[in-house]
Amino acid sequence: MGRLIYYFLIILVILSGCSKKDNHNVLIVGMEMSYPPFEMTDESGNPIGISVDLAKEIGKKLDKEVQLVNMSFDGLIPALKSKKIDIILSSMTATEERAKTISFSDSYLKTGLCILTGKDSNINSIENLNQEGKIVVVKKGTTGHIYAKENLKKARLLVVDKESSAVMEVIQQNADAFIYDQMSTYKNWQENLSKTNAVLKPFTEESWAIGIRQEDNQLREAVNKALFELKNEGLFDRLGDNYLSEQKRVFKEMGYPFYF
C-alpha cells in the first residue's frame, strides 16, 4: 500500500509540473469583441478582426498559445490587475490615468477623438458642445467619456454601455453629439448617411497600446520586440489592406494620416 501511495504522489507531481508548463505557454488576451473591424465575432461566434490577428501573431513571436477572453471594456483593467488575463489588446488608448495602475507596450496605432452629430446639426467643433443645453452621449469607460467629463462642464453627459446605443441616441435626436474615435465615427456616419453627419478632423490625438501589468517587465519587453518585428515584416500594412481598405483610400483623399 505504501508503494502505491508513493507512485501516486509521483504521478501528481508530474501532472502538476505539466500543468504549470502548459499555463506558462499560454498567453491570455482580454478584449471586448464588439468593436469591428478590430475586435468582433463571426456568425458562428468565432473571434475575428485586426486585434485578433495581431494577438495571434504576437503569440507566435512569444512561442505561446493564445487564449482570447471576451469581456466588457470597463472590466479589462480589473481583470488584468487580478491576473485573470495576461494582456489587454482591445483598441485601448494609453492614457496617463490608466498608466497609473497598468503599464503599456509601445504604441501600435494612432488615432483621435471625433464627433458624430445629427444630419442637420450646425456643430462643427468640440467648442460647440461645451454649452448649456447641449447633450453629449459617450460610451462608458472610453477616452471620449473621460474627455467629456473633464472638458465639457457646461454640457449634460449621457453615458451608455454600447456604441450602437450612443449612435441611436444621436439618430433619435436625444443627444446633440457622440464623441468617439475617428475610425468608428467614420463607420457610423457611413452606415447612417441620411441621419447623421461627422466632424472627422480629430480634436485630440490618441495612441493605442497593449495593456500589461506593471510588474511584468519581461513580458512588456517581449511584446515590444514582437510589435517591432511585425511592423517591419509588413503585418500592419496587410491588416490595413485586409480590413480597412476603404478608409485607407478615403483618409488619403481627405488628407488625414492613416492609423498604422
C-alpha atoms as a PDB file:
ATOM      1  CA  MET A   1       0.000   0.000   0.000  1.00  0.00           C
ATOM      2  CA  GLY A   2       2.858   2.378   0.882  1.00  0.00           C
ATOM      3  CA  ARG A   3       4.459   1.816  -2.523  1.00  0.00           C
ATOM      4  CA  LEU A   4       1.160   2.556  -4.293  1.00  0.00           C
ATOM      5  CA  ILE A   5       0.823   5.855  -2.422  1.00  0.00           C
ATOM      6  CA  TYR A   6       4.431   6.664  -3.323  1.00  0.00           C
ATOM      7  CA  TYR A   7       3.801   6.126  -7.046  1.00  0.00           C
ATOM      8  CA  PHE A   8       0.528   8.072  -6.830  1.00  0.00           C
ATOM      9  CA  LEU A   9       2.356  11.063  -5.354  1.00  0.00           C
ATOM     10  CA  ILE A  10       4.981  10.922  -8.105  1.00  0.00           C
ATOM     11  CA  ILE A  11       2.231  10.985 -10.749  1.00  0.00           C
ATOM     12  CA  LEU A  12       0.623  14.003  -9.059  1.00  0.00           C
ATOM     13  CA  VAL A  13       3.943  15.870  -9.082  1.00  0.00           C
ATOM     14  CA  ILE A  14       4.452  15.099 -12.774  1.00  0.00           C
ATOM     15  CA  LEU A  15       0.924  16.199 -13.685  1.00  0.00           C
ATOM     16  CA  SER A  16       1.315  19.360 -11.619  1.00  0.00           C
ATOM     17  CA  GLY A  17       4.541  20.173 -13.438  1.00  0.00           C
ATOM     18  CA  CYS A  18       2.878  19.659 -16.803  1.00  0.00           C
ATOM     19  CA  SER A  19       0.010  21.902 -15.794  1.00  0.00           C
ATOM     20  CA  LYS A  20       2.354  24.705 -14.824  1.00  0.00           C
ATOM     21  CA  LYS A  21       4.253  24.335 -18.054  1.00  0.00           C
ATOM     22  CA  ASP A  22       1.041  24.442 -20.079  1.00  0.00           C
ATOM     23  CA  ASN A  23      -0.153  27.570 -18.265  1.00  0.00           C
ATOM     24  CA  HIS A  24       3.239  29.156 -18.768  1.00  0.00           C
ATOM     25  CA  ASN A  25       2.945  28.632 -22.518  1.00  0.00           C
ATOM     26  CA  VAL A  26      -0.477  30.276 -22.799  1.00  0.00           C
ATOM     27  CA  LEU A  27      -0.980  33.997 -23.378  1.00  0.00           C
ATOM     28  CA  ILE A  28      -4.432  35.017 -22.125  1.00  0.00           C
ATOM     29  CA  VAL A  29      -5.609  38.067 -24.059  1.00  0.00           C
ATOM     30  CA  GLY A  30      -8.569  40.152 -22.916  1.00  0.00           C
ATOM     31  CA  MET A  31     -10.681  42.146 -25.380  1.00  0.00           C
ATOM     32  CA  GLU A  32     -14.242  43.350 -25.857  1.00  0.00           C
ATOM     33  CA  MET A  33     -15.372  41.701 -29.079  1.00  0.00           C
ATOM     34  CA  SER A  34     -17.877  44.332 -30.115  1.00  0.00           C
ATOM     35  CA  TYR A  35     -15.655  46.789 -31.955  1.00  0.00           C
ATOM     36  CA  PRO A  36     -15.363  45.889 -35.639  1.00  0.00           C
ATOM     37  CA  PRO A  37     -13.138  45.573 -37.536  1.00  0.00           C
ATOM     38  CA  PHE A  38     -10.717  45.251 -34.623  1.00  0.00           C
ATOM     39  CA  GLU A  39     -12.461  43.008 -32.101  1.00  0.00           C
ATOM     40  CA  MET A  40     -15.550  41.095 -33.195  1.00  0.00           C
ATOM     41  CA  THR A  41     -17.019  37.646 -33.834  1.00  0.00           C
ATOM     42  CA  ASP A  42     -18.250  35.974 -36.995  1.00  0.00           C
ATOM     43  CA  GLU A  43     -21.679  34.383 -37.492  1.00  0.00           C
ATOM     44  CA  SER A  44     -20.515  31.266 -35.675  1.00  0.00           C
ATOM     45  CA  GLY A  45     -19.229  33.242 -32.696  1.00  0.00           C
ATOM     46  CA  ASN A  46     -15.552  32.836 -33.572  1.00  0.00           C
ATOM     47  CA  PRO A  47     -13.263  35.784 -32.753  1.00  0.00           C
ATOM     48  CA  ILE A  48     -12.077  37.730 -35.812  1.00  0.00           C
ATOM     49  CA  GLY A  49     -10.614  41.130 -36.556  1.00  0.00           C
ATOM     50  CA  ILE A  50      -7.404  43.143 -36.580  1.00  0.00           C
ATOM     51  CA  SER A  51      -6.738  42.741 -32.847  1.00  0.00           C
ATOM     52  CA  VAL A  52      -7.441  39.004 -33.057  1.00  0.00           C
ATOM     53  CA  ASP A  53      -4.957  38.591 -35.906  1.00  0.00           C
ATOM     54  CA  LEU A  54      -2.412  40.755 -34.085  1.00  0.00           C
ATOM     55  CA  ALA A  55      -2.794  38.751 -30.863  1.00  0.00           C
ATOM     56  CA  LYS A  56      -2.172  35.504 -32.732  1.00  0.00           C
ATOM     57  CA  GLU A  57       0.941  36.897 -34.424  1.00  0.00           C
ATOM     58  CA  ILE A  58       2.291  38.151 -31.106  1.00  0.00           C
ATOM     59  CA  GLY A  59       1.632  34.702 -29.655  1.00  0.00           C
ATOM     60  CA  LYS A  60       3.734  33.154 -32.421  1.00  0.00           C
ATOM     61  CA  LYS A  61       6.587  35.553 -31.700  1.00  0.00           C
ATOM     62  CA  LEU A  62       6.429  34.731 -27.997  1.00  0.00           C
ATOM     63  CA  ASP A  63       6.041  30.994 -28.725  1.00  0.00           C
ATOM     64  CA  LYS A  64       2.797  30.939 -26.747  1.00  0.00           C
ATOM     65  CA  GLU A  65      -0.672  29.596 -27.422  1.00  0.00           C
ATOM     66  CA  VAL A  66      -3.160  32.493 -27.462  1.00  0.00           C
ATOM     67  CA  GLN A  67      -6.371  32.244 -25.454  1.00  0.00           C
ATOM     68  CA  LEU A  68      -8.875  35.042 -26.130  1.00  0.00           C
ATOM     69  CA  VAL A  69     -11.275  36.184 -23.408  1.00  0.00           C
ATOM     70  CA  ASN A  70     -14.274  38.351 -24.316  1.00  0.00           C
ATOM     71  CA  MET A  71     -15.341  40.813 -21.604  1.00  0.00           C
ATOM     72  CA  SER A  72     -16.741  44.308 -21.171  1.00  0.00           C
ATOM     73  CA  PHE A  73     -14.299  47.118 -21.877  1.00  0.00           C
ATOM     74  CA  ASP A  74     -14.537  48.616 -18.394  1.00  0.00           C
ATOM     75  CA  GLY A  75     -13.746  45.186 -16.908  1.00  0.00           C
ATOM     76  CA  LEU A  76     -10.459  44.730 -18.772  1.00  0.00           C
ATOM     77  CA  ILE A  77      -8.140  46.605 -16.405  1.00  0.00           C
ATOM     78  CA  PRO A  78      -9.568  44.958 -13.257  1.00  0.00           C
ATOM     79  CA  ALA A  79      -9.179  41.563 -14.960  1.00  0.00           C
ATOM     80  CA  LEU A  80      -5.554  42.350 -15.821  1.00  0.00           C
ATOM     81  CA  LYS A  81      -4.714  43.508 -12.320  1.00  0.00           C
ATOM     82  CA  SER A  82      -6.327  40.419 -10.773  1.00  0.00           C
ATOM     83  CA  LYS A  83      -4.344  38.186 -13.178  1.00  0.00           C
ATOM     84  CA  LYS A  84      -7.389  36.755 -14.938  1.00  0.00           C
ATOM     85  CA  ILE A  85      -5.761  37.828 -18.205  1.00  0.00           C
ATOM     86  CA  ASP A  86      -2.127  38.435 -19.196  1.00  0.00           C
ATOM     87  CA  ILE A  87      -2.547  41.385 -21.561  1.00  0.00           C
ATOM     88  CA  ILE A  88      -5.220  43.739 -22.882  1.00  0.00           C
ATOM     89  CA  LEU A  89      -5.424  44.023 -26.658  1.00  0.00           C
ATOM     90  CA  SER A  90      -8.693  45.848 -27.211  1.00  0.00           C
ATOM     91  CA  SER A  91      -8.158  49.131 -29.077  1.00  0.00           C
ATOM     92  CA  MET A  92      -7.197  50.707 -25.757  1.00  0.00           C
ATOM     93  CA  THR A  93      -5.776  54.216 -25.637  1.00  0.00           C
ATOM     94  CA  ALA A  94      -2.674  54.587 -23.489  1.00  0.00           C
ATOM     95  CA  THR A  95      -3.691  57.412 -21.150  1.00  0.00           C
ATOM     96  CA  GLU A  96      -1.886  58.925 -18.178  1.00  0.00           C
ATOM     97  CA  GLU A  97      -4.753  57.924 -15.918  1.00  0.00           C
ATOM     98  CA  ARG A  98      -4.645  54.273 -16.990  1.00  0.00           C
ATOM     99  CA  ALA A  99      -0.843  54.263 -16.745  1.00  0.00           C
ATOM    100  CA  LYS A 100      -1.171  54.914 -13.009  1.00  0.00           C
ATOM    101  CA  THR A 101      -2.377  51.354 -12.489  1.00  0.00           C
ATOM    102  CA  ILE A 102      -1.138  49.367 -15.503  1.00  0.00           C
ATOM    103  CA  SER A 103       1.757  49.503 -17.934  1.00  0.00           C
ATOM    104  CA  PHE A 104       1.585  49.814 -21.716  1.00  0.00           C
ATOM    105  CA  SER A 105       3.537  48.490 -24.659  1.00  0.00           C
ATOM    106  CA  ASP A 106       4.859  50.742 -27.381  1.00  0.00           C
ATOM    107  CA  SER A 107       2.101  52.320 -29.453  1.00  0.00           C
ATOM    108  CA  TYR A 108       0.897  50.367 -32.488  1.00  0.00           C
ATOM    109  CA  LEU A 109      -1.801  52.761 -33.790  1.00  0.00           C
ATOM    110  CA  LYS A 110      -2.522  56.496 -33.735  1.00  0.00           C
ATOM    111  CA  THR A 111      -5.989  57.997 -33.979  1.00  0.00           C
ATOM    112  CA  GLY A 112      -8.055  60.735 -32.323  1.00  0.00           C
ATOM    113  CA  LEU A 113     -11.460  61.686 -30.976  1.00  0.00           C
ATOM    114  CA  CYS A 114     -14.105  62.959 -33.393  1.00  0.00           C
ATOM    115  CA  ILE A 115     -17.781  63.918 -33.328  1.00  0.00           C
ATOM    116  CA  LEU A 116     -20.880  62.244 -34.759  1.00  0.00           C
ATOM    117  CA  THR A 117     -23.862  64.616 -34.979  1.00  0.00           C
ATOM    118  CA  GLY A 118     -27.367  64.686 -36.388  1.00  0.00           C
ATOM    119  CA  LYS A 119     -27.765  65.232 -40.127  1.00  0.00           C
ATOM    120  CA  ASP A 120     -28.878  68.856 -39.877  1.00  0.00           C
ATOM    121  CA  SER A 121     -26.679  69.818 -36.948  1.00  0.00           C
ATOM    122  CA  ASN A 122     -24.633  73.028 -37.054  1.00  0.00           C
ATOM    123  CA  ILE A 123     -21.982  71.588 -34.729  1.00  0.00           C
ATOM    124  CA  ASN A 124     -18.583  71.745 -36.404  1.00  0.00           C
ATOM    125  CA  SER A 125     -16.133  71.722 -33.478  1.00  0.00           C
ATOM    126  CA  ILE A 126     -15.769  70.459 -29.935  1.00  0.00           C
ATOM    127  CA  GLU A 127     -16.208  74.030 -28.681  1.00  0.00           C
ATOM    128  CA  ASN A 128     -19.786  73.999 -29.968  1.00  0.00           C
ATOM    129  CA  LEU A 129     -20.610  71.245 -27.487  1.00  0.00           C
ATOM    130  CA  ASN A 130     -19.427  72.935 -24.308  1.00  0.00           C
ATOM    131  CA  GLN A 131     -22.646  74.897 -23.902  1.00  0.00           C
ATOM    132  CA  GLU A 132     -25.657  74.890 -21.620  1.00  0.00           C
ATOM    133  CA  GLY A 133     -28.438  72.759 -23.059  1.00  0.00           C
ATOM    134  CA  LYS A 134     -26.170  70.537 -25.159  1.00  0.00           C
ATOM    135  CA  ILE A 135     -26.403  66.790 -24.596  1.00  0.00           C
ATOM    136  CA  VAL A 136     -23.331  64.695 -25.357  1.00  0.00           C
ATOM    137  CA  VAL A 137     -23.538  60.912 -25.422  1.00  0.00           C
ATOM    138  CA  VAL A 138     -20.446  58.808 -24.622  1.00  0.00           C
ATOM    139  CA  LYS A 139     -19.641  55.138 -24.194  1.00  0.00           C
ATOM    140  CA  LYS A 140     -18.799  54.275 -20.611  1.00  0.00           C
ATOM    141  CA  GLY A 141     -15.100  53.980 -19.816  1.00  0.00           C
ATOM    142  CA  THR A 142     -13.803  55.250 -23.162  1.00  0.00           C
ATOM    143  CA  THR A 143     -11.499  58.207 -23.702  1.00  0.00           C
ATOM    144  CA  GLY A 144     -14.478  60.048 -25.159  1.00  0.00           C
ATOM    145  CA  HIS A 145     -16.197  59.618 -21.798  1.00  0.00           C
ATOM    146  CA  ILE A 146     -13.098  60.800 -19.940  1.00  0.00           C
ATOM    147  CA  TYR A 147     -12.619  63.806 -22.210  1.00  0.00           C
ATOM    148  CA  ALA A 148     -16.244  64.913 -21.992  1.00  0.00           C
ATOM    149  CA  LYS A 149     -16.327  64.575 -18.210  1.00  0.00           C
ATOM    150  CA  GLU A 150     -13.189  66.686 -17.818  1.00  0.00           C
ATOM    151  CA  ASN A 151     -13.713  69.300 -20.532  1.00  0.00           C
ATOM    152  CA  LEU A 152     -17.414  69.700 -21.326  1.00  0.00           C
ATOM    153  CA  LYS A 153     -18.545  71.004 -17.955  1.00  0.00           C
ATOM    154  CA  LYS A 154     -21.448  73.018 -19.351  1.00  0.00           C
ATOM    155  CA  ALA A 155     -22.994  70.193 -21.370  1.00  0.00           C
ATOM    156  CA  ARG A 156     -25.030  67.301 -19.978  1.00  0.00           C
ATOM    157  CA  LEU A 157     -23.471  63.868 -20.395  1.00  0.00           C
ATOM    158  CA  LEU A 158     -25.463  60.802 -21.372  1.00  0.00           C
ATOM    159  CA  VAL A 159     -23.417  57.678 -20.564  1.00  0.00           C
ATOM    160  CA  VAL A 160     -24.305  54.378 -22.277  1.00  0.00           C
ATOM    161  CA  ASP A 161     -22.730  50.919 -22.337  1.00  0.00           C
ATOM    162  CA  LYS A 162     -22.726  50.265 -26.078  1.00  0.00           C
ATOM    163  CA  GLU A 163     -21.533  52.126 -29.144  1.00  0.00           C
ATOM    164  CA  SER A 164     -24.717  51.227 -31.024  1.00  0.00           C
ATOM    165  CA  SER A 165     -26.816  52.773 -28.239  1.00  0.00           C
ATOM    166  CA  ALA A 166     -24.848  56.021 -28.467  1.00  0.00           C
ATOM    167  CA  VAL A 167     -25.356  56.220 -32.235  1.00  0.00           C
ATOM    168  CA  MET A 168     -29.077  55.617 -31.783  1.00  0.00           C
ATOM    169  CA  GLU A 169     -29.307  58.478 -29.270  1.00  0.00           C
ATOM    170  CA  VAL A 170     -27.935  60.818 -31.957  1.00  0.00           C
ATOM    171  CA  ILE A 171     -30.199  59.420 -34.677  1.00  0.00           C
ATOM    172  CA  GLN A 172     -33.254  59.803 -32.456  1.00  0.00           C
ATOM    173  CA  GLN A 173     -32.152  63.355 -31.583  1.00  0.00           C
ATOM    174  CA  ASN A 174     -31.880  62.576 -27.876  1.00  0.00           C
ATOM    175  CA  ALA A 175     -28.254  63.760 -27.988  1.00  0.00           C
ATOM    176  CA  ASP A 176     -26.524  66.512 -29.928  1.00  0.00           C
ATOM    177  CA  ALA A 177     -23.344  64.534 -30.486  1.00  0.00           C
ATOM    178  CA  PHE A 178     -21.468  61.310 -29.816  1.00  0.00           C
ATOM    179  CA  ILE A 179     -17.754  61.574 -29.019  1.00  0.00           C
ATOM    180  CA  TYR A 180     -15.765  58.546 -30.163  1.00  0.00           C
ATOM    181  CA  ASP A 181     -12.650  57.598 -32.086  1.00  0.00           C
ATOM    182  CA  GLN A 182     -12.109  58.686 -35.686  1.00  0.00           C
ATOM    183  CA  MET A 183     -12.444  55.238 -37.202  1.00  0.00           C
ATOM    184  CA  SER A 184     -15.768  54.416 -35.566  1.00  0.00           C
ATOM    185  CA  THR A 185     -17.141  57.886 -36.205  1.00  0.00           C
ATOM    186  CA  TYR A 186     -16.457  57.437 -39.908  1.00  0.00           C
ATOM    187  CA  LYS A 187     -18.068  53.971 -39.894  1.00  0.00           C
ATOM    188  CA  ASN A 188     -21.162  55.108 -38.008  1.00  0.00           C
ATOM    189  CA  TRP A 189     -21.577  58.090 -40.335  1.00  0.00           C
ATOM    190  CA  GLN A 190     -21.320  55.918 -43.445  1.00  0.00           C
ATOM    191  CA  GLU A 191     -23.866  53.465 -42.061  1.00  0.00           C
ATOM    192  CA  ASN A 192     -26.319  56.291 -41.298  1.00  0.00           C
ATOM    193  CA  LEU A 193     -25.701  58.870 -44.039  1.00  0.00           C
ATOM    194  CA  SER A 194     -29.315  60.022 -44.169  1.00  0.00           C
ATOM    195  CA  LYS A 195     -29.488  60.754 -40.442  1.00  0.00           C
ATOM    196  CA  THR A 196     -26.005  61.709 -39.264  1.00  0.00           C
ATOM    197  CA  ASN A 197     -23.036  63.891 -40.055  1.00  0.00           C
ATOM    198  CA  ALA A 198     -19.439  63.678 -38.879  1.00  0.00           C
ATOM    199  CA  VAL A 199     -16.656  66.054 -37.901  1.00  0.00           C
ATOM    200  CA  LEU A 200     -13.756  63.784 -38.824  1.00  0.00           C
ATOM    201  CA  LYS A 201     -10.819  66.034 -38.037  1.00  0.00           C
ATOM    202  CA  PRO A 202      -9.679  64.795 -34.603  1.00  0.00           C
ATOM    203  CA  PHE A 203      -9.723  67.363 -31.805  1.00  0.00           C
ATOM    204  CA  THR A 204      -7.353  65.205 -29.739  1.00  0.00           C
ATOM    205  CA  GLU A 205      -4.721  62.651 -30.691  1.00  0.00           C
ATOM    206  CA  GLU A 206      -4.527  59.196 -29.163  1.00  0.00           C
ATOM    207  CA  SER A 207      -2.209  56.214 -29.276  1.00  0.00           C
ATOM    208  CA  TRP A 208      -3.378  52.641 -28.847  1.00  0.00           C
ATOM    209  CA  ALA A 209      -1.172  50.203 -26.974  1.00  0.00           C
ATOM    210  CA  ILE A 210      -1.285  46.823 -25.272  1.00  0.00           C
ATOM    211  CA  GLY A 211      -2.053  46.815 -21.551  1.00  0.00           C
ATOM    212  CA  ILE A 212       0.332  44.833 -19.336  1.00  0.00           C
ATOM    213  CA  ARG A 213       0.714  44.529 -15.568  1.00  0.00           C
ATOM    214  CA  GLN A 214       3.252  46.992 -14.178  1.00  0.00           C
ATOM    215  CA  GLU A 215       5.418  44.261 -12.691  1.00  0.00           C
ATOM    216  CA  ASP A 216       5.581  42.207 -15.918  1.00  0.00           C
ATOM    217  CA  ASN A 217       8.663  43.928 -17.336  1.00  0.00           C
ATOM    218  CA  GLN A 218       9.906  40.852 -19.177  1.00  0.00           C
ATOM    219  CA  LEU A 219       6.566  40.353 -20.914  1.00  0.00           C
ATOM    220  CA  ARG A 220       6.405  44.020 -21.891  1.00  0.00           C
ATOM    221  CA  GLU A 221       9.873  43.829 -23.449  1.00  0.00           C
ATOM    222  CA  ALA A 222       8.899  40.679 -25.356  1.00  0.00           C
ATOM    223  CA  VAL A 223       5.672  42.271 -26.632  1.00  0.00           C
ATOM    224  CA  ASN A 224       7.528  45.411 -27.737  1.00  0.00           C
ATOM    225  CA  LYS A 225      10.069  43.293 -29.585  1.00  0.00           C
ATOM    226  CA  ALA A 226       7.243  41.382 -31.284  1.00  0.00           C
ATOM    227  CA  LEU A 227       5.478  44.600 -32.322  1.00  0.00           C
ATOM    228  CA  PHE A 228       8.699  46.000 -33.762  1.00  0.00           C
ATOM    229  CA  GLU A 229       9.360  42.854 -35.785  1.00  0.00           C
ATOM    230  CA  LEU A 230       5.778  42.552 -37.002  1.00  0.00           C
ATOM    231  CA  LYS A 231       5.748  46.166 -38.170  1.00  0.00           C
ATOM    232  CA  ASN A 232       8.995  45.670 -40.092  1.00  0.00           C
ATOM    233  CA  GLU A 233       7.584  42.489 -41.624  1.00  0.00           C
ATOM    234  CA  GLY A 234       4.643  44.469 -43.023  1.00  0.00           C
ATOM    235  CA  LEU A 235       1.883  42.980 -40.848  1.00  0.00           C
ATOM    236  CA  PHE A 236       0.181  46.323 -40.177  1.00  0.00           C
ATOM    237  CA  ASP A 237       0.147  47.227 -43.868  1.00  0.00           C
ATOM    238  CA  ARG A 238      -1.542  43.921 -44.598  1.00  0.00           C
ATOM    239  CA  LEU A 239      -4.068  44.370 -41.790  1.00  0.00           C
ATOM    240  CA  GLY A 240      -4.926  47.823 -43.092  1.00  0.00           C
ATOM    241  CA  ASP A 241      -5.424  46.482 -46.626  1.00  0.00           C
ATOM    242  CA  ASN A 242      -7.480  43.499 -45.434  1.00  0.00           C
ATOM    243  CA  TYR A 243      -9.811  45.258 -43.027  1.00  0.00           C
ATOM    244  CA  LEU A 244      -9.702  48.992 -43.729  1.00  0.00           C
ATOM    245  CA  SER A 245      -9.026  49.429 -47.443  1.00  0.00           C
ATOM    246  CA  GLU A 246     -11.907  51.878 -47.932  1.00  0.00           C
ATOM    247  CA  GLN A 247     -10.901  54.070 -45.015  1.00  0.00           C
ATOM    248  CA  LYS A 248      -7.297  53.959 -46.155  1.00  0.00           C
ATOM    249  CA  ARG A 249      -8.370  55.364 -49.538  1.00  0.00           C
ATOM    250  CA  VAL A 250     -10.828  57.937 -48.155  1.00  0.00           C
ATOM    251  CA  PHE A 251      -8.456  59.227 -45.490  1.00  0.00           C
ATOM    252  CA  LYS A 252      -5.747  59.680 -48.097  1.00  0.00           C
ATOM    253  CA  GLU A 253      -8.178  61.708 -50.217  1.00  0.00           C
ATOM    254  CA  MET A 254      -9.178  63.821 -47.200  1.00  0.00           C
ATOM    255  CA  GLY A 255      -5.570  64.430 -46.203  1.00  0.00           C
ATOM    256  CA  TYR A 256      -5.747  62.515 -42.914  1.00  0.00           C
ATOM    257  CA  PRO A 257      -2.873  60.208 -41.943  1.00  0.00           C
ATOM    258  CA  PHE A 258      -3.747  56.510 -41.751  1.00  0.00           C
ATOM    259  CA  TYR A 259      -3.745  54.781 -38.391  1.00  0.00           C
ATOM    260  CA  PHE A 260      -0.762  52.420 -38.633  1.00  0.00           C
END
